[in-house]
C-alpha atoms as a PDB file:
ATOM      1  CA  MET A   1     168.916 164.513 117.725  1.00  0.00           C
ATOM      2  CA  PRO A   2     171.378 165.024 114.952  1.00  0.00           C
ATOM      3  CA  PHE A   3     171.880 168.503 113.397  1.00  0.00           C
ATOM      4  CA  TYR A   4     172.136 168.186 109.480  1.00  0.00           C
ATOM      5  CA  ILE A   5     173.099 170.520 106.851  1.00  0.00           C
ATOM      6  CA  VAL A   6     172.340 169.558 103.477  1.00  0.00           C
ATOM      7  CA  GLY A   7     173.646 170.960 100.382  1.00  0.00           C
ATOM      8  CA  VAL A   8     170.949 171.910  97.689  1.00  0.00           C
ATOM      9  CA  GLY A   9     171.270 172.615  94.210  1.00  0.00           C
ATOM     10  CA  SER A  10     168.937 172.966  90.962  1.00  0.00           C
ATOM     11  CA  ASN A  11     169.133 174.270  87.664  1.00  0.00           C
ATOM     12  CA  ILE A  12     165.528 173.282  86.253  1.00  0.00           C
ATOM     13  CA  GLU A  13     163.006 175.620  87.464  1.00  0.00           C
ATOM     14  CA  ALA A  14     165.419 176.122  90.299  1.00  0.00           C
ATOM     15  CA  GLU A  15     163.605 178.607  92.832  1.00  0.00           C
ATOM     16  CA  LYS A  16     160.425 176.392  92.478  1.00  0.00           C
ATOM     17  CA  HIS A  17     162.180 173.223  93.221  1.00  0.00           C
ATOM     18  CA  ILE A  18     164.245 174.667  96.018  1.00  0.00           C
ATOM     19  CA  GLN A  19     161.108 175.930  97.610  1.00  0.00           C
ATOM     20  CA  GLN A  20     159.369 172.751  97.339  1.00  0.00           C
ATOM     21  CA  ALA A  21     162.328 170.828  98.897  1.00  0.00           C
ATOM     22  CA  PHE A  22     162.313 173.442 101.785  1.00  0.00           C
ATOM     23  CA  GLU A  23     158.819 172.729 102.488  1.00  0.00           C
ATOM     24  CA  GLN A  24     159.340 169.010 102.641  1.00  0.00           C
ATOM     25  CA  ILE A  25     162.234 169.389 105.075  1.00  0.00           C
ATOM     26  CA  LYS A  26     159.911 171.900 107.119  1.00  0.00           C
ATOM     27  CA  LYS A  27     157.648 168.909 107.701  1.00  0.00           C
ATOM     28  CA  ILE A  28     160.575 167.274 109.627  1.00  0.00           C
ATOM     29  CA  ASP A  29     161.731 170.436 111.496  1.00  0.00           C
ATOM     30  CA  SER A  30     159.580 173.474 111.281  1.00  0.00           C
ATOM     31  CA  GLN A  31     162.696 175.560 112.447  1.00  0.00           C
ATOM     32  CA  VAL A  32     164.693 174.659 109.347  1.00  0.00           C
ATOM     33  CA  ASN A  33     167.037 177.350 108.133  1.00  0.00           C
ATOM     34  CA  ILE A  34     168.095 178.295 104.444  1.00  0.00           C
ATOM     35  CA  ALA A  35     171.140 179.837 103.231  1.00  0.00           C
ATOM     36  CA  THR A  36     171.401 182.448 100.818  1.00  0.00           C
ATOM     37  CA  LEU A  37     170.586 181.559  97.259  1.00  0.00           C
ATOM     38  CA  LEU A  38     173.864 181.487  95.097  1.00  0.00           C
ATOM     39  CA  ARG A  39     173.739 181.540  91.157  1.00  0.00           C
ATOM     40  CA  THR A  40     176.803 179.267  90.248  1.00  0.00           C
ATOM     41  CA  LYS A  41     178.029 178.034  86.787  1.00  0.00           C
ATOM     42  CA  ALA A  42     177.545 174.422  86.073  1.00  0.00           C
ATOM     43  CA  VAL A  43     180.650 172.124  87.008  1.00  0.00           C
ATOM     44  CA  GLY A  44     181.907 169.312  84.793  1.00  0.00           C
ATOM     45  CA  PHE A  45     179.336 169.474  82.058  1.00  0.00           C
ATOM     46  CA  THR A  46     179.072 173.114  81.337  1.00  0.00           C
ATOM     47  CA  GLU A  47     176.561 172.858  78.395  1.00  0.00           C
ATOM     48  CA  GLN A  48     173.512 173.609  80.613  1.00  0.00           C
ATOM     49  CA  ALA A  49     171.784 176.405  82.598  1.00  0.00           C
ATOM     50  CA  ASP A  50     173.488 177.897  85.757  1.00  0.00           C
ATOM     51  CA  PHE A  51     172.443 176.354  89.077  1.00  0.00           C
ATOM     52  CA  ILE A  52     170.892 177.923  92.086  1.00  0.00           C
ATOM     53  CA  ASN A  53     172.801 176.510  95.259  1.00  0.00           C
ATOM     54  CA  THR A  54     172.071 176.923  98.930  1.00  0.00           C
ATOM     55  CA  ALA A  55     171.954 174.727 102.081  1.00  0.00           C
ATOM     56  CA  PHE A  56     169.272 173.706 104.652  1.00  0.00           C
ATOM     57  CA  SER A  57     170.038 173.073 108.388  1.00  0.00           C
ATOM     58  CA  PHE A  58     167.793 171.320 110.549  1.00  0.00           C
ATOM     59  CA  TYR A  59     167.224 168.775 113.352  1.00  0.00           C
ATOM     60  CA  CYS A  60     166.106 165.203 112.604  1.00  0.00           C
ATOM     61  CA  SER A  61     165.870 162.005 114.629  1.00  0.00           C
ATOM     62  CA  LEU A  62     166.630 159.999 111.408  1.00  0.00           C
ATOM     63  CA  ASN A  63     169.965 158.306 111.249  1.00  0.00           C
ATOM     64  CA  VAL A  64     172.339 159.017 108.451  1.00  0.00           C
ATOM     65  CA  THR A  65     170.980 156.100 106.248  1.00  0.00           C
ATOM     66  CA  GLU A  66     167.417 156.967 106.794  1.00  0.00           C
ATOM     67  CA  MET A  67     168.049 160.638 106.021  1.00  0.00           C
ATOM     68  CA  LYS A  68     169.783 159.733 102.679  1.00  0.00           C
ATOM     69  CA  ASN A  69     166.716 157.703 101.799  1.00  0.00           C
ATOM     70  CA  HIS A  70     164.255 160.428 102.772  1.00  0.00           C
ATOM     71  CA  LEU A  71     166.417 163.053 100.641  1.00  0.00           C
ATOM     72  CA  LYS A  72     166.337 160.353  97.778  1.00  0.00           C
ATOM     73  CA  ALA A  73     162.541 160.308  98.147  1.00  0.00           C
ATOM     74  CA  ILE A  74     162.218 164.130  98.044  1.00  0.00           C
ATOM     75  CA  GLU A  75     164.399 164.213  94.826  1.00  0.00           C
ATOM     76  CA  ALA A  76     162.313 161.601  93.147  1.00  0.00           C
ATOM     77  CA  GLN A  77     158.999 163.473  94.192  1.00  0.00           C
ATOM     78  CA  LEU A  78     160.482 166.664  92.637  1.00  0.00           C
ATOM     79  CA  GLY A  79     161.188 164.717  89.366  1.00  0.00           C
ATOM     80  CA  ARG A  80     164.930 164.171  89.723  1.00  0.00           C
ATOM     81  CA  VAL A  81     165.960 161.928  86.950  1.00  0.00           C
ATOM     82  CA  ARG A  82     169.480 160.336  87.586  1.00  0.00           C
ATOM     83  CA  SER A  83     171.581 159.722  84.337  1.00  0.00           C
ATOM     84  CA  ASN A  84     175.092 158.650  83.448  1.00  0.00           C
ATOM     85  CA  ASN A  85     175.869 162.252  83.387  1.00  0.00           C
ATOM     86  CA  LYS A  86     176.731 162.843  87.151  1.00  0.00           C
ATOM     87  CA  ASN A  87     177.027 166.650  86.513  1.00  0.00           C
ATOM     88  CA  GLY A  88     173.974 166.911  84.365  1.00  0.00           C
ATOM     89  CA  PRO A  89     170.849 169.039  84.769  1.00  0.00           C
ATOM     90  CA  ARG A  90     168.528 168.265  87.766  1.00  0.00           C
ATOM     91  CA  THR A  91     165.426 169.570  89.339  1.00  0.00           C
ATOM     92  CA  ILE A  92     166.853 169.150  92.702  1.00  0.00           C
ATOM     93  CA  ASP A  93     170.076 167.733  94.298  1.00  0.00           C
ATOM     94  CA  LEU A  94     170.202 167.047  98.283  1.00  0.00           C
ATOM     95  CA  ASP A  95     173.322 165.983  99.834  1.00  0.00           C
ATOM     96  CA  ILE A  96     174.172 165.628 103.374  1.00  0.00           C
ATOM     97  CA  VAL A  97     177.265 167.863 104.002  1.00  0.00           C
ATOM     98  CA  LYS A  98     177.536 168.222 107.706  1.00  0.00           C
ATOM     99  CA  ILE A  99     176.179 165.992 110.669  1.00  0.00           C
ATOM    100  CA  ASP A 100     176.532 167.800 113.948  1.00  0.00           C
ATOM    101  CA  HIS A 101     180.220 168.911 113.963  1.00  0.00           C
ATOM    102  CA  ASP A 102     181.448 166.698 111.204  1.00  0.00           C
ATOM    103  CA  ILE A 103     181.894 167.453 107.535  1.00  0.00           C
ATOM    104  CA  VAL A 104     180.785 164.259 105.742  1.00  0.00           C
ATOM    105  CA  ASP A 105     180.757 165.440 102.087  1.00  0.00           C
ATOM    106  CA  ASP A 106     184.040 166.330 100.240  1.00  0.00           C
ATOM    107  CA  ASP A 107     181.996 168.871  98.325  1.00  0.00           C
ATOM    108  CA  TYR A 108     182.470 171.220 101.293  1.00  0.00           C
ATOM    109  CA  HIS A 109     186.249 171.356 100.554  1.00  0.00           C
ATOM    110  CA  GLN A 110     185.938 171.230  96.777  1.00  0.00           C
ATOM    111  CA  TYR A 111     183.405 173.915  96.010  1.00  0.00           C
ATOM    112  CA  ASP A 112     183.329 177.378  97.461  1.00  0.00           C
ATOM    113  CA  PHE A 113     179.591 177.741  97.104  1.00  0.00           C
ATOM    114  CA  VAL A 114     179.064 174.650  99.347  1.00  0.00           C
ATOM    115  CA  LYS A 115     181.485 175.826 102.051  1.00  0.00           C
ATOM    116  CA  LYS A 116     179.937 179.416 101.770  1.00  0.00           C
ATOM    117  CA  SER A 117     176.368 178.061 102.342  1.00  0.00           C
ATOM    118  CA  VAL A 118     177.367 175.618 104.952  1.00  0.00           C
ATOM    119  CA  ASP A 119     179.536 178.105 106.890  1.00  0.00           C
ATOM    120  CA  GLU A 120     176.568 180.663 106.826  1.00  0.00           C
ATOM    121  CA  LEU A 121     174.090 178.243 108.364  1.00  0.00           C
ATOM    122  CA  VAL A 122     176.910 177.114 111.067  1.00  0.00           C
ATOM    123  CA  ASP A 123     177.303 180.835 111.920  1.00  0.00           C
ATOM    124  CA  LYS A 124     173.532 181.249 112.211  1.00  0.00           C
ATOM    125  CA  GLN A 125     173.384 178.171 114.590  1.00  0.00           C
ATOM    126  CA  ALA A 126     176.193 179.426 116.658  1.00  0.00           C
ATOM    127  CA  ARG A 127     174.535 182.970 117.094  1.00  0.00           C
ATOM    128  CA  LYS A 128     171.266 181.159 118.061  1.00  0.00           C
ATOM    129  CA  SER A 129     172.919 178.777 120.746  1.00  0.00           C
ATOM    130  CA  ASN A 130     174.636 181.985 122.363  1.00  0.00           C
END
């Protein structure tokens, strides 16, 4: 069963939407973990509220395509509106960053807050395995 780490971000009622997304993922894996919540400045389009970023880690039998569709469904359920502004405000953003041992999203290398959240969960998982 694949081990996923999903990057999470929100700047519209962030704590509420992150908690709601966490509850949705908990339905997949009741042992889901969450990284520390990090407050970050908006990237690209800076005329908006700061973001809260974190990551979730969990096991799930869904393949990558199914997981991406499931995450998009959670985003839609939580009111995510996609606009032409890729860096615009959002209720929730859920992106697969790591599957098992593979980094699958360049944001890991591009943004410190993504790397920090993912690495925190990798460390937590490693301690659990030992």
